[in-house]
Amino acid sequence: MAGVDEMGEDLTDTRSVGTPPERGTTAMTLTAREQSEIEAANASGQQPIVFVHGLWLLANSWDGWRAWFGERGYATVAPGWPDDPETVTEARLRPEVLAGKSVGQITNHVAEAIGALARKPIVIGHSFGGLITQKLAGMGLSACSVAIDPAPFRGVLPLPISALRSAFPVLGKPSNRKKAVMLTAEQFRYGFTNEVPDAEAAELYATYPVPGAGVPLFQAAFANFNPKTEASVDLHQRDRGPLLIVSGERDHTVPWAIANASFKKQRRSVSPTEIIEMKGRGHSLVIDSGWTEVAETALAFIAKAGLA
C-alpha cells in the first residue's frame, strides 16, 4: 500500500506520468470539447499550441489567446483539468467538482491530449499550468514551451512573503486540501489583479475566477520535503525543447524570486532556456487588458525556435 506524508499526499513516485496514447488517436478520458478541438487541430495541418490554465481559472480563460494565435496560423487546443465544468457559472455553483485534482492527474490529462495530436505541440501554461508545462517539457512532449508565472517545483527554494499571503486562503486550513476554495474579491485583488485599475479588477473577478483545488497548492508547498512529490520536473530530458519563463514584475503569487529560481534550474538543459520579466505586471497578466503584450512575447520566442 502506498504511503502518505503528513499532509495526506501520496508518496508513490508519480513523476513519470502515464504514457500518452499513440500520436494522432483520441484518448477516451478527454471531453467532447477537447476531442473536437484536437480533431480540428489535426485536420488543419497547422502547428498546434496547447494552452494549460492555472489554479482558479478554467480553459476558457485562454479564449482571447486562442483567437489571437489562430489568426497567426496556429491550431489551438485548451484542455481543462480533469472534470472541469465548461463555464464559470457552473464551476461556482459546484465547487466540489473541482476539488481533489492533483498535479499528476492534471499532467496526465494534458499528456493524453498531446498524445492525441498528430504533431508535437507548443505548450503555453500559466501559474500551475506553467508548472505542468515544464513537467510536459521534461517528458519530451512539447516542441517549445512558455511557462508564465509558473508555480514552483521541487528544488525551487525561495518562498517570498507575498507568495505565502497569496496561498494562505487555502494553505491556512489543512482541511482545504480536499476542497476547492473560492477567493474573495479582496484575495483575488491581492493575488491576481494588484496591478490593474479597480474597475478592471472588479470586472475580472466577475468574469474569471472559480474555486481552486487545494491539492496542488499543498503539493507545491511541501514539495521540498517529499522526494516523490508530483510537484517535480525532470530537468535531464535532452528532448525538452526551447523553454521561456515569463515573470510579472509585480506578481504577488509567483514573484520574480520563484520564477528566476525555476529558470536557474532549467538553464542547465542543453535546450535553449530564457527568462523575461514583464514590467509592471501582476499574476493576471494572461487575462487582463495587457495580455496581448505577453502573447507577443511568447510568439517572438516561438518564432526564434523556428515554429512561427
Protein backbone atom coordinates (compact mmCIF):
# COMPACT_ATOMS: atom_id res chain seq x y z
CA MET A 1 0.00 0.00 0.00
CA ALA A 2 1.35 3.46 -0.89
CA GLY A 3 2.49 5.66 1.95
CA VAL A 4 1.35 9.21 2.55
CA ASP A 5 3.03 12.23 4.08
CA GLU A 6 1.70 14.33 6.95
CA MET A 7 -0.48 16.32 4.56
CA GLY A 8 -2.02 13.20 3.06
CA GLU A 9 -0.02 13.36 -0.16
CA ASP A 10 0.58 10.10 -1.93
CA LEU A 11 4.24 9.19 -1.62
CA THR A 12 4.20 6.81 -4.58
CA ASP A 13 6.70 8.08 -7.15
CA THR A 14 4.43 9.60 -9.78
CA ARG A 15 6.98 11.78 -11.53
CA SER A 16 6.68 9.60 -14.61
CA VAL A 17 3.08 10.10 -15.61
CA GLY A 18 1.19 7.66 -17.76
CA THR A 19 2.24 7.03 -21.36
CA PRO A 20 0.16 9.14 -23.75
CA PRO A 21 -1.84 7.30 -26.39
CA GLU A 22 -0.35 6.76 -29.84
CA ARG A 23 0.01 10.13 -31.52
CA GLY A 24 -2.97 11.09 -33.63
CA THR A 25 -5.50 8.99 -31.69
CA THR A 26 -8.11 10.38 -29.29
CA ALA A 27 -7.99 9.35 -25.63
CA MET A 28 -11.32 8.25 -24.16
CA THR A 29 -10.91 10.32 -21.00
CA LEU A 30 -11.00 13.57 -22.95
CA THR A 31 -14.23 15.56 -23.07
CA ALA A 32 -16.24 16.03 -26.24
CA ARG A 33 -14.99 19.62 -26.46
CA GLU A 34 -11.37 18.57 -26.07
CA GLN A 35 -11.75 15.81 -28.65
CA SER A 36 -13.35 18.26 -31.09
CA GLU A 37 -10.51 20.76 -30.68
CA ILE A 38 -7.89 18.03 -31.19
CA GLU A 39 -9.63 16.71 -34.29
CA ALA A 40 -9.82 20.24 -35.73
CA ALA A 41 -6.13 20.81 -34.99
CA ASN A 42 -5.16 17.55 -36.67
CA ALA A 43 -7.33 18.28 -39.70
CA SER A 44 -5.86 21.77 -40.11
CA GLY A 45 -2.28 20.62 -40.63
CA GLN A 46 -1.16 23.69 -38.68
CA GLN A 47 1.34 23.76 -35.82
CA PRO A 48 -0.68 23.06 -32.66
CA ILE A 49 -0.46 25.05 -29.45
CA VAL A 50 -1.76 23.53 -26.22
CA PHE A 51 -2.78 26.03 -23.52
CA VAL A 52 -2.79 24.93 -19.87
CA HIS A 53 -4.70 27.04 -17.38
CA GLY A 54 -3.78 27.51 -13.76
CA LEU A 55 -5.49 27.40 -10.41
CA TRP A 56 -8.70 29.45 -10.01
CA LEU A 57 -9.24 29.65 -13.78
CA LEU A 58 -10.81 27.49 -16.50
CA ALA A 59 -9.78 26.65 -20.05
CA ASN A 60 -11.95 29.47 -21.41
CA SER A 61 -9.56 31.97 -19.80
CA TRP A 62 -7.42 31.32 -22.91
CA ASP A 63 -10.15 32.24 -25.42
CA GLY A 64 -8.53 35.55 -26.40
CA TRP A 65 -5.12 33.90 -26.79
CA ARG A 66 -6.59 31.11 -28.92
CA ALA A 67 -8.24 33.55 -31.32
CA TRP A 68 -5.06 35.66 -31.49
CA PHE A 69 -2.77 32.71 -32.24
CA GLY A 70 -5.37 31.25 -34.60
CA GLU A 71 -5.22 34.42 -36.68
CA ARG A 72 -1.46 33.85 -36.94
CA GLY A 73 -1.73 30.36 -38.37
CA TYR A 74 -1.71 28.09 -35.33
CA ALA A 75 -4.20 25.40 -34.34
CA THR A 76 -5.08 25.77 -30.68
CA VAL A 77 -6.28 23.33 -28.03
CA ALA A 78 -7.13 24.22 -24.42
CA PRO A 79 -7.65 21.13 -22.27
CA GLY A 80 -9.32 21.62 -18.94
CA TRP A 81 -8.26 19.95 -15.74
CA PRO A 82 -9.99 16.59 -15.17
CA ASP A 83 -13.76 17.04 -14.66
CA ASP A 84 -13.61 20.82 -15.06
CA PRO A 85 -17.02 22.36 -15.75
CA GLU A 86 -17.17 24.21 -19.04
CA THR A 87 -18.45 27.50 -17.59
CA VAL A 88 -17.54 29.76 -14.69
CA THR A 89 -21.17 29.83 -13.59
CA GLU A 90 -21.34 26.05 -13.29
CA ALA A 91 -17.96 25.88 -11.54
CA ARG A 92 -19.03 28.41 -8.92
CA LEU A 93 -22.26 26.52 -8.29
CA ARG A 94 -20.50 23.13 -7.98
CA PRO A 95 -17.13 23.67 -6.28
CA GLU A 96 -16.95 20.03 -5.22
CA VAL A 97 -16.40 19.03 -8.87
CA LEU A 98 -13.14 20.99 -8.90
CA ALA A 99 -11.77 19.53 -5.67
CA GLY A 100 -9.14 16.80 -5.36
CA LYS A 101 -7.24 17.30 -8.63
CA SER A 102 -3.52 16.67 -8.16
CA VAL A 103 -0.59 17.90 -10.23
CA GLY A 104 -0.05 14.35 -11.50
CA GLN A 105 -3.68 13.89 -12.55
CA ILE A 106 -3.72 17.21 -14.39
CA THR A 107 -0.43 16.42 -16.13
CA ASN A 108 -1.71 13.01 -17.21
CA HIS A 109 -4.85 14.56 -18.66
CA VAL A 110 -2.96 17.17 -20.70
CA ALA A 111 -0.45 14.50 -21.78
CA GLU A 112 -3.35 12.46 -23.17
CA ALA A 113 -4.49 15.47 -25.18
CA ILE A 114 -0.96 15.92 -26.53
CA GLY A 115 -0.76 12.23 -27.39
CA ALA A 116 -3.91 12.60 -29.48
CA LEU A 117 -2.37 15.34 -31.61
CA ALA A 118 -0.75 14.44 -34.91
CA ARG A 119 2.18 16.79 -34.25
CA LYS A 120 4.21 17.63 -31.17
CA PRO A 121 2.75 20.91 -29.90
CA ILE A 122 3.98 24.15 -28.46
CA VAL A 123 2.75 24.30 -24.84
CA ILE A 124 1.88 27.54 -23.06
CA GLY A 125 0.83 27.47 -19.40
CA HIS A 126 0.11 29.95 -16.64
CA SER A 127 0.71 29.56 -12.89
CA PHE A 128 0.15 25.87 -12.03
CA GLY A 129 -0.33 25.46 -15.77
CA GLY A 130 3.23 26.79 -16.05
CA LEU A 131 4.46 24.09 -13.70
CA ILE A 132 2.61 21.47 -15.73
CA THR A 133 4.07 22.96 -18.93
CA GLN A 134 7.54 22.32 -17.51
CA LYS A 135 6.59 18.79 -16.47
CA LEU A 136 5.38 18.06 -20.01
CA ALA A 137 8.60 19.51 -21.45
CA GLY A 138 10.54 17.27 -19.08
CA MET A 139 8.66 14.32 -20.53
CA GLY A 140 9.74 15.31 -24.05
CA LEU A 141 6.15 16.08 -25.11
CA SER A 142 6.50 19.66 -26.31
CA ALA A 143 8.28 21.21 -29.27
CA CYS A 144 8.61 24.52 -27.41
CA SER A 145 7.30 25.72 -24.06
CA VAL A 146 6.28 29.02 -22.47
CA ALA A 147 5.72 28.94 -18.70
CA ILE A 148 4.09 32.17 -17.48
CA ASP A 149 4.44 32.97 -13.76
CA PRO A 150 4.92 29.23 -13.12
CA ALA A 151 4.19 27.64 -9.75
CA PRO A 152 7.34 26.26 -8.10
CA PHE A 153 8.56 22.69 -8.38
CA ARG A 154 10.74 20.60 -6.09
CA GLY A 155 14.16 22.21 -5.78
CA VAL A 156 12.89 25.77 -6.13
CA LEU A 157 13.63 27.19 -2.69
CA PRO A 158 12.61 30.88 -2.45
CA LEU A 159 9.32 31.45 -0.62
CA PRO A 160 8.57 35.19 -0.55
CA ILE A 161 6.06 36.59 1.93
CA SER A 162 3.72 37.71 -0.87
CA ALA A 163 3.53 34.14 -2.22
CA LEU A 164 2.65 32.84 1.24
CA ARG A 165 -0.02 35.51 1.64
CA SER A 166 -1.49 34.70 -1.78
CA ALA A 167 -1.70 30.99 -0.93
CA PHE A 168 -2.88 31.46 2.66
CA PRO A 169 -6.64 31.34 1.83
CA VAL A 170 -6.02 27.65 1.00
CA LEU A 171 -2.92 26.68 2.99
CA GLY A 172 -4.23 28.34 6.15
CA LYS A 173 -6.52 25.35 6.75
CA PRO A 174 -5.17 21.79 6.30
CA SER A 175 -8.73 20.61 5.64
CA ASN A 176 -8.73 22.69 2.45
CA ARG A 177 -6.50 20.08 0.83
CA LYS A 178 -9.60 18.05 -0.02
CA LYS A 179 -11.70 21.04 -1.02
CA ALA A 180 -11.95 23.66 -3.74
CA VAL A 181 -11.68 27.17 -2.33
CA MET A 182 -13.08 30.34 -3.90
CA LEU A 183 -11.08 33.51 -3.42
CA THR A 184 -12.86 36.59 -2.14
CA ALA A 185 -12.69 39.75 -4.24
CA GLU A 186 -10.07 41.12 -1.85
CA GLN A 187 -7.96 37.95 -2.06
CA PHE A 188 -8.17 37.91 -5.87
CA ARG A 189 -7.19 41.57 -5.90
CA TYR A 190 -4.03 40.80 -3.93
CA GLY A 191 -3.08 37.55 -5.64
CA PHE A 192 -4.02 38.32 -9.24
CA THR A 193 -5.14 41.86 -10.08
CA ASN A 194 -2.90 44.05 -7.91
CA GLU A 195 -1.56 45.89 -10.98
CA VAL A 196 -4.80 46.81 -12.77
CA PRO A 197 -7.28 49.64 -12.01
CA ASP A 198 -10.10 48.99 -9.56
CA ALA A 199 -12.80 48.83 -12.24
CA GLU A 200 -10.86 46.29 -14.29
CA ALA A 201 -10.12 44.23 -11.18
CA ALA A 202 -13.82 44.09 -10.37
CA GLU A 203 -14.67 43.06 -13.95
CA LEU A 204 -12.01 40.34 -13.97
CA TYR A 205 -13.27 38.97 -10.65
CA ALA A 206 -16.83 38.82 -12.01
CA THR A 207 -15.67 37.07 -15.18
CA TYR A 208 -12.89 34.58 -14.49
CA PRO A 209 -12.15 33.03 -11.07
CA VAL A 210 -13.62 29.72 -9.94
CA PRO A 211 -12.96 27.67 -6.79
CA GLY A 212 -9.43 26.29 -6.84
CA ALA A 213 -8.47 22.75 -5.83
CA GLY A 214 -6.40 22.69 -2.66
CA VAL A 215 -4.29 19.67 -3.59
CA PRO A 216 -1.83 21.38 -6.00
CA LEU A 217 -1.07 24.15 -3.53
CA PHE A 218 -0.33 21.68 -0.74
CA GLN A 219 1.80 19.61 -3.12
CA ALA A 220 3.86 22.64 -4.14
CA ALA A 221 4.14 23.90 -0.56
CA PHE A 222 5.58 20.59 0.68
CA ALA A 223 7.47 19.58 -2.47
CA ASN A 224 10.89 20.12 -0.94
CA PHE A 225 10.02 17.77 1.92
CA ASN A 226 8.75 14.95 -0.30
CA PRO A 227 11.27 13.34 -2.68
CA LYS A 228 8.46 11.59 -4.55
CA THR A 229 6.20 14.58 -4.98
CA GLU A 230 4.21 15.11 -8.17
CA ALA A 231 5.28 18.76 -8.00
CA SER A 232 8.60 17.93 -9.62
CA VAL A 233 10.15 18.39 -13.06
CA ASP A 234 12.58 16.19 -14.98
CA LEU A 235 15.48 18.57 -15.64
CA HIS A 236 17.56 15.99 -17.51
CA GLN A 237 15.33 15.41 -20.57
CA ARG A 238 17.51 16.03 -23.64
CA ASP A 239 14.44 16.37 -25.85
CA ARG A 240 12.94 19.12 -23.72
CA GLY A 241 12.83 21.75 -26.45
CA PRO A 242 13.25 25.52 -26.02
CA LEU A 243 11.72 26.97 -22.84
CA LEU A 244 10.77 30.55 -21.98
CA ILE A 245 9.79 31.56 -18.45
CA VAL A 246 7.78 34.78 -18.25
CA SER A 247 7.61 36.62 -14.92
CA GLY A 248 5.33 39.50 -13.97
CA GLU A 249 7.49 42.10 -12.22
CA ARG A 250 4.88 42.73 -9.51
CA ASP A 251 3.32 39.30 -9.29
CA HIS A 252 2.44 38.54 -5.66
CA THR A 253 1.55 34.89 -6.25
CA VAL A 254 4.67 33.86 -8.18
CA PRO A 255 7.23 36.63 -7.59
CA TRP A 256 10.45 37.02 -9.57
CA ALA A 257 12.41 35.10 -6.91
CA ILE A 258 10.40 31.95 -7.66
CA ALA A 259 10.39 32.36 -11.44
CA ASN A 260 14.11 33.10 -11.54
CA ALA A 261 14.92 30.11 -9.31
CA SER A 262 12.97 27.92 -11.75
CA PHE A 263 14.93 29.45 -14.64
CA LYS A 264 18.26 28.75 -12.92
CA LYS A 265 17.28 25.10 -12.57
CA GLN A 266 16.07 24.86 -16.16
CA ARG A 267 19.02 26.61 -17.81
CA ARG A 268 21.20 23.56 -17.08
CA SER A 269 19.41 21.94 -20.01
CA VAL A 270 21.10 21.55 -23.39
CA SER A 271 17.97 23.14 -24.89
CA PRO A 272 17.64 26.95 -25.10
CA THR A 273 16.25 28.49 -21.90
CA GLU A 274 15.29 32.13 -21.40
CA ILE A 275 13.51 34.29 -18.84
CA ILE A 276 11.75 37.61 -19.42
CA GLU A 277 10.33 39.95 -16.81
CA MET A 278 7.20 41.84 -17.82
CA LYS A 279 7.43 45.25 -16.18
CA GLY A 280 4.51 46.43 -14.06
CA ARG A 281 2.54 43.20 -14.43
CA GLY A 282 0.80 41.05 -11.84
CA HIS A 283 -0.48 37.47 -11.87
CA SER A 284 -3.47 38.41 -14.03
CA LEU A 285 -1.18 39.16 -16.99
CA VAL A 286 -2.77 36.43 -19.16
CA ILE A 287 -6.36 37.67 -18.68
CA ASP A 288 -6.16 41.41 -18.07
CA SER A 289 -6.21 44.16 -20.67
CA GLY A 290 -2.47 43.85 -21.32
CA TRP A 291 -2.48 40.15 -22.25
CA THR A 292 -1.55 40.76 -25.89
CA GLU A 293 1.86 42.09 -24.80
CA VAL A 294 2.51 38.73 -23.13
CA ALA A 295 1.20 36.85 -26.19
CA GLU A 296 3.54 38.84 -28.43
CA THR A 297 6.46 37.99 -26.14
CA ALA A 298 5.55 34.31 -26.34
CA LEU A 299 5.21 34.46 -30.13
CA ALA A 300 8.62 36.11 -30.51
CA PHE A 301 10.21 33.24 -28.58
CA ILE A 302 8.28 30.66 -30.59
CA ALA A 303 9.47 32.30 -33.81
CA LYS A 304 13.06 32.21 -32.54
CA ALA A 305 12.58 28.48 -32.00
CA GLY A 306 11.64 28.15 -35.68
CA LEU A 307 7.96 27.40 -35.10
CA ALA A 308 6.40 30.58 -36.48
